[in-house]
Amino acid sequence: MFILLSVAIAPGLALFSFFYLRNQMATEPRKTLLQSFIYGVILTFPIMFLQYVFKEEQVFQHIIVQDVFFTGVIEEFFKWIFLILVIYHHVEFDDPYDGVLYGAAVSLGFATVENVIYLMSYGMDTAFLRAILPVSSHALFGVVMGYYLGKAKFQSSQGSLRYRALALFAPMTLHILYNAIFISQNHWVYYMVPFMLFLWWFSLRKVKQAHKALVQLMIQKAN
């Protein structure tokens, strides 16, 4: 059991460490980040409960609506609403790169619990595949969400509203595309590989832009 839990948790910790260590200009309080991760863990249970109820009650008759659209929408909405209500106005959310870290922390909290449950049910044979697909994709969706929230935090009120909307709909769209590829039966790997490469490129580009915005903000404060 200990080995299984370690294997399930390790990808999330590794990915979060990667994004945390890229922030060379400032150090976000670890306690707040840990709390965000724990909230992501807690969010897993109401999300999975709603997914179970909707599936058992056959609210959506078509598998594409249930497993592609509904799953992508509800998971990203819960992460977004938590970040908006709890983190967005937090005193420690004080630079654009913080959004990346908080978005990644919440998403990886969710992805880690999901990974633990899956590996406990199906064993460790799929551990590597899950590390490079579901876990990393959740982290990258969180990075994109957090990037746009970081943009919103330091924009005018009109620009803030637009970026807050992008913080929801950009990762939601990416998640829906990921789900659509994942449930496709024929040659899904041929579509998933370029999609994941694009997702990494797009997310790391947002990380770089957030870091650049942080540098500019620190220069402004220094002057």
Protein backbone atom coordinates (compact mmCIF):
# COMPACT_ATOMS: atom_id res chain seq x y z
CA MET A 1 0.00 0.00 0.00
CA PHE A 2 2.80 2.43 0.88
CA ILE A 3 4.53 1.82 -2.45
CA LEU A 4 1.27 2.29 -4.35
CA LEU A 5 0.54 5.57 -2.56
CA SER A 6 4.09 6.78 -3.19
CA VAL A 7 3.81 6.00 -6.90
CA ALA A 8 0.42 7.71 -7.08
CA ILE A 9 1.54 10.87 -5.27
CA ALA A 10 5.03 11.26 -6.78
CA PRO A 11 4.00 12.67 -10.21
CA GLY A 12 1.96 15.47 -8.65
CA LEU A 13 4.74 16.47 -6.27
CA ALA A 14 7.32 16.36 -9.05
CA LEU A 15 5.26 18.57 -11.35
CA PHE A 16 4.47 21.08 -8.63
CA SER A 17 8.15 21.26 -7.65
CA PHE A 18 8.97 21.97 -11.29
CA PHE A 19 6.68 25.01 -11.44
CA TYR A 20 7.58 26.18 -7.93
CA LEU A 21 11.32 26.16 -8.60
CA ARG A 22 10.89 28.12 -11.84
CA ASN A 23 9.88 31.14 -9.74
CA GLN A 24 13.31 32.59 -9.05
CA MET A 25 12.21 36.13 -8.22
CA ALA A 26 9.99 35.53 -5.18
CA THR A 27 9.01 32.69 -2.87
CA GLU A 28 5.32 32.13 -2.30
CA PRO A 29 4.47 31.04 1.28
CA ARG A 30 4.56 27.26 1.34
CA LYS A 31 1.74 27.07 3.90
CA THR A 32 -0.69 28.82 1.54
CA LEU A 33 0.36 26.61 -1.36
CA LEU A 34 -0.07 23.50 0.78
CA GLN A 35 -3.52 24.69 1.80
CA SER A 36 -4.41 25.18 -1.88
CA PHE A 37 -3.21 21.65 -2.64
CA ILE A 38 -5.34 20.30 0.22
CA TYR A 39 -8.37 22.22 -1.02
CA GLY A 40 -7.78 20.60 -4.42
CA VAL A 41 -7.82 17.23 -2.65
CA ILE A 42 -11.11 18.11 -0.93
CA LEU A 43 -12.69 19.32 -4.19
CA THR A 44 -12.19 15.86 -5.66
CA PHE A 45 -14.97 14.34 -3.59
CA PRO A 46 -17.93 16.62 -4.46
CA ILE A 47 -16.84 16.53 -8.10
CA MET A 48 -16.67 12.73 -8.17
CA PHE A 49 -19.98 12.51 -6.29
CA LEU A 50 -21.73 14.72 -8.86
CA GLN A 51 -20.20 12.74 -11.71
CA TYR A 52 -21.39 9.50 -10.12
CA VAL A 53 -24.93 10.80 -9.53
CA PHE A 54 -25.28 12.20 -13.04
CA LYS A 55 -24.00 8.94 -14.52
CA GLU A 56 -26.24 6.70 -12.37
CA GLU A 57 -29.29 8.85 -13.01
CA GLN A 58 -28.45 8.91 -16.72
CA VAL A 59 -28.93 12.66 -16.87
CA PHE A 60 -26.97 12.69 -20.11
CA GLN A 61 -27.87 9.92 -22.52
CA HIS A 62 -24.85 10.25 -24.79
CA ILE A 63 -21.37 9.21 -23.62
CA ILE A 64 -19.78 12.19 -25.36
CA VAL A 65 -21.88 14.64 -23.35
CA GLN A 66 -21.22 12.77 -20.08
CA ASP A 67 -17.54 11.86 -20.39
CA VAL A 68 -16.27 14.66 -22.61
CA PHE A 69 -18.23 17.85 -21.98
CA PHE A 70 -19.72 17.38 -18.51
CA THR A 71 -16.51 16.02 -16.97
CA GLY A 72 -14.36 18.77 -18.45
CA VAL A 73 -16.80 21.52 -17.51
CA ILE A 74 -17.52 20.50 -13.92
CA GLU A 75 -13.89 19.78 -12.97
CA GLU A 76 -12.55 23.06 -14.30
CA PHE A 77 -15.49 25.05 -12.95
CA PHE A 78 -14.96 23.79 -9.40
CA LYS A 79 -11.24 24.63 -9.54
CA TRP A 80 -11.99 28.06 -10.99
CA ILE A 81 -14.70 28.96 -8.48
CA PHE A 82 -12.43 27.97 -5.60
CA LEU A 83 -9.58 30.10 -6.92
CA ILE A 84 -11.92 33.04 -7.46
CA LEU A 85 -13.62 32.85 -4.06
CA VAL A 86 -10.71 31.83 -1.83
CA ILE A 87 -7.40 32.68 -3.51
CA TYR A 88 -8.02 35.59 -5.89
CA HIS A 89 -8.44 38.22 -3.15
CA HIS A 90 -5.97 36.63 -0.76
CA VAL A 91 -3.29 38.99 0.51
CA GLU A 92 -0.55 36.56 -0.53
CA PHE A 93 -1.70 36.57 -4.16
CA ASP A 94 0.53 39.57 -4.84
CA ASP A 95 2.22 38.94 -8.20
CA PRO A 96 1.26 37.45 -11.59
CA TYR A 97 3.27 34.25 -11.14
CA ASP A 98 1.31 33.39 -7.99
CA GLY A 99 -1.64 32.50 -10.18
CA VAL A 100 0.41 29.81 -11.90
CA LEU A 101 1.44 28.30 -8.57
CA TYR A 102 -2.03 28.37 -7.01
CA GLY A 103 -3.66 27.03 -10.17
CA ALA A 104 -1.14 24.19 -10.33
CA ALA A 105 -1.51 23.43 -6.60
CA VAL A 106 -5.30 23.11 -6.70
CA SER A 107 -5.27 21.07 -9.91
CA LEU A 108 -2.56 18.72 -8.65
CA GLY A 109 -4.43 18.19 -5.38
CA PHE A 110 -7.38 17.00 -7.45
CA ALA A 111 -5.22 14.96 -9.84
CA THR A 112 -3.33 13.25 -7.02
CA VAL A 113 -6.47 11.94 -5.30
CA GLU A 114 -7.87 10.84 -8.64
CA ASN A 115 -4.59 9.05 -9.35
CA VAL A 116 -4.55 7.31 -5.95
CA ILE A 117 -8.12 6.06 -6.43
CA TYR A 118 -7.38 4.84 -9.94
CA LEU A 119 -4.18 3.00 -9.03
CA MET A 120 -5.82 1.41 -6.00
CA SER A 121 -8.57 0.12 -8.28
CA TYR A 122 -6.49 -1.01 -11.26
CA GLY A 123 -2.96 -1.47 -9.92
CA MET A 124 0.33 0.12 -10.88
CA ASP A 125 0.50 -1.18 -14.44
CA THR A 126 -0.85 2.13 -15.74
CA ALA A 127 1.11 4.36 -13.33
CA PHE A 128 3.53 5.68 -15.95
CA LEU A 129 0.81 6.39 -18.50
CA ARG A 130 -1.28 8.21 -15.91
CA ALA A 131 1.71 10.29 -14.82
CA ILE A 132 2.33 11.61 -18.33
CA LEU A 133 -1.32 12.01 -19.31
CA PRO A 134 -4.02 12.67 -16.65
CA VAL A 135 -1.77 14.01 -13.90
CA SER A 136 0.34 16.24 -16.13
CA SER A 137 -2.67 17.45 -18.11
CA HIS A 138 -4.47 18.50 -14.91
CA ALA A 139 -1.35 20.37 -13.82
CA LEU A 140 -1.14 22.17 -17.16
CA PHE A 141 -4.85 23.05 -17.14
CA GLY A 142 -4.23 24.57 -13.71
CA VAL A 143 -1.23 26.52 -14.99
CA VAL A 144 -3.31 28.02 -17.81
CA MET A 145 -6.14 28.87 -15.41
CA GLY A 146 -3.73 30.43 -12.92
CA TYR A 147 -1.93 32.42 -15.59
CA TYR A 148 -5.12 34.18 -16.69
CA LEU A 149 -6.14 34.80 -13.07
CA GLY A 150 -2.73 36.37 -12.53
CA LYS A 151 -3.36 38.58 -15.54
CA ALA A 152 -6.80 39.50 -14.22
CA LYS A 153 -5.44 40.41 -10.80
CA PHE A 154 -3.23 43.16 -12.18
CA GLN A 155 -5.46 44.55 -14.93
CA SER A 156 -8.10 47.27 -15.07
CA SER A 157 -11.62 46.24 -14.09
CA GLN A 158 -12.65 45.72 -17.73
CA GLY A 159 -9.54 43.70 -18.55
CA SER A 160 -9.88 41.80 -15.28
CA LEU A 161 -13.31 40.50 -16.22
CA ARG A 162 -12.08 39.30 -19.60
CA TYR A 163 -9.10 37.46 -18.14
CA ARG A 164 -11.20 35.89 -15.38
CA ALA A 165 -13.48 34.51 -18.10
CA LEU A 166 -10.45 33.21 -20.00
CA ALA A 167 -9.24 31.58 -16.78
CA LEU A 168 -12.36 29.43 -16.88
CA PHE A 169 -12.96 28.83 -20.57
CA ALA A 170 -9.37 28.28 -21.77
CA PRO A 171 -8.62 25.28 -19.49
CA MET A 172 -12.19 24.07 -19.91
CA THR A 173 -11.76 23.96 -23.68
CA LEU A 174 -8.39 22.21 -23.37
CA HIS A 175 -9.89 19.67 -20.96
CA ILE A 176 -12.80 18.93 -23.30
CA LEU A 177 -10.39 18.39 -26.20
CA TYR A 178 -8.28 16.08 -24.03
CA ASN A 179 -11.35 14.05 -23.04
CA ALA A 180 -12.53 13.83 -26.63
CA ILE A 181 -9.17 12.44 -27.75
CA PHE A 182 -8.92 10.07 -24.80
CA ILE A 183 -12.26 8.33 -25.42
CA SER A 184 -11.76 8.04 -29.18
CA GLN A 185 -11.29 4.37 -29.95
CA ASN A 186 -9.25 4.43 -33.14
CA HIS A 187 -5.62 5.51 -32.98
CA TRP A 188 -6.14 7.90 -30.07
CA VAL A 189 -2.40 7.92 -29.36
CA TYR A 190 -1.73 9.59 -32.70
CA TYR A 191 -3.91 12.50 -31.63
CA MET A 192 -2.88 12.57 -27.98
CA VAL A 193 0.86 12.93 -28.59
CA PRO A 194 0.62 16.18 -30.61
CA PHE A 195 -2.06 17.49 -28.26
CA MET A 196 0.13 16.93 -25.18
CA LEU A 197 3.12 18.50 -26.93
CA PHE A 198 0.98 21.52 -27.73
CA LEU A 199 -0.37 21.63 -24.17
CA TRP A 200 3.16 21.62 -22.71
CA TRP A 201 4.33 24.27 -25.17
CA PHE A 202 1.30 26.47 -24.52
CA SER A 203 1.52 26.11 -20.73
CA LEU A 204 5.27 26.71 -20.52
CA ARG A 205 4.80 29.78 -22.70
CA LYS A 206 2.27 31.06 -20.15
CA VAL A 207 4.73 30.29 -17.34
CA LYS A 208 7.39 32.32 -19.13
CA GLN A 209 4.98 35.21 -19.69
CA ALA A 210 3.91 35.15 -16.03
CA HIS A 211 7.54 35.24 -14.93
CA LYS A 212 8.22 38.17 -17.25
CA ALA A 213 5.20 40.01 -15.81
CA LEU A 214 6.56 39.34 -12.31
CA VAL A 215 9.93 40.86 -13.24
CA GLN A 216 8.25 43.95 -14.68
CA LEU A 217 6.11 44.34 -11.56
CA MET A 218 9.14 44.12 -9.29
CA ILE A 219 10.96 46.75 -11.39
CA GLN A 220 7.95 49.07 -11.09
CA LYS A 221 7.84 48.60 -7.32
CA ALA A 222 11.59 49.28 -7.08
CA ASN A 223 11.19 52.56 -8.96
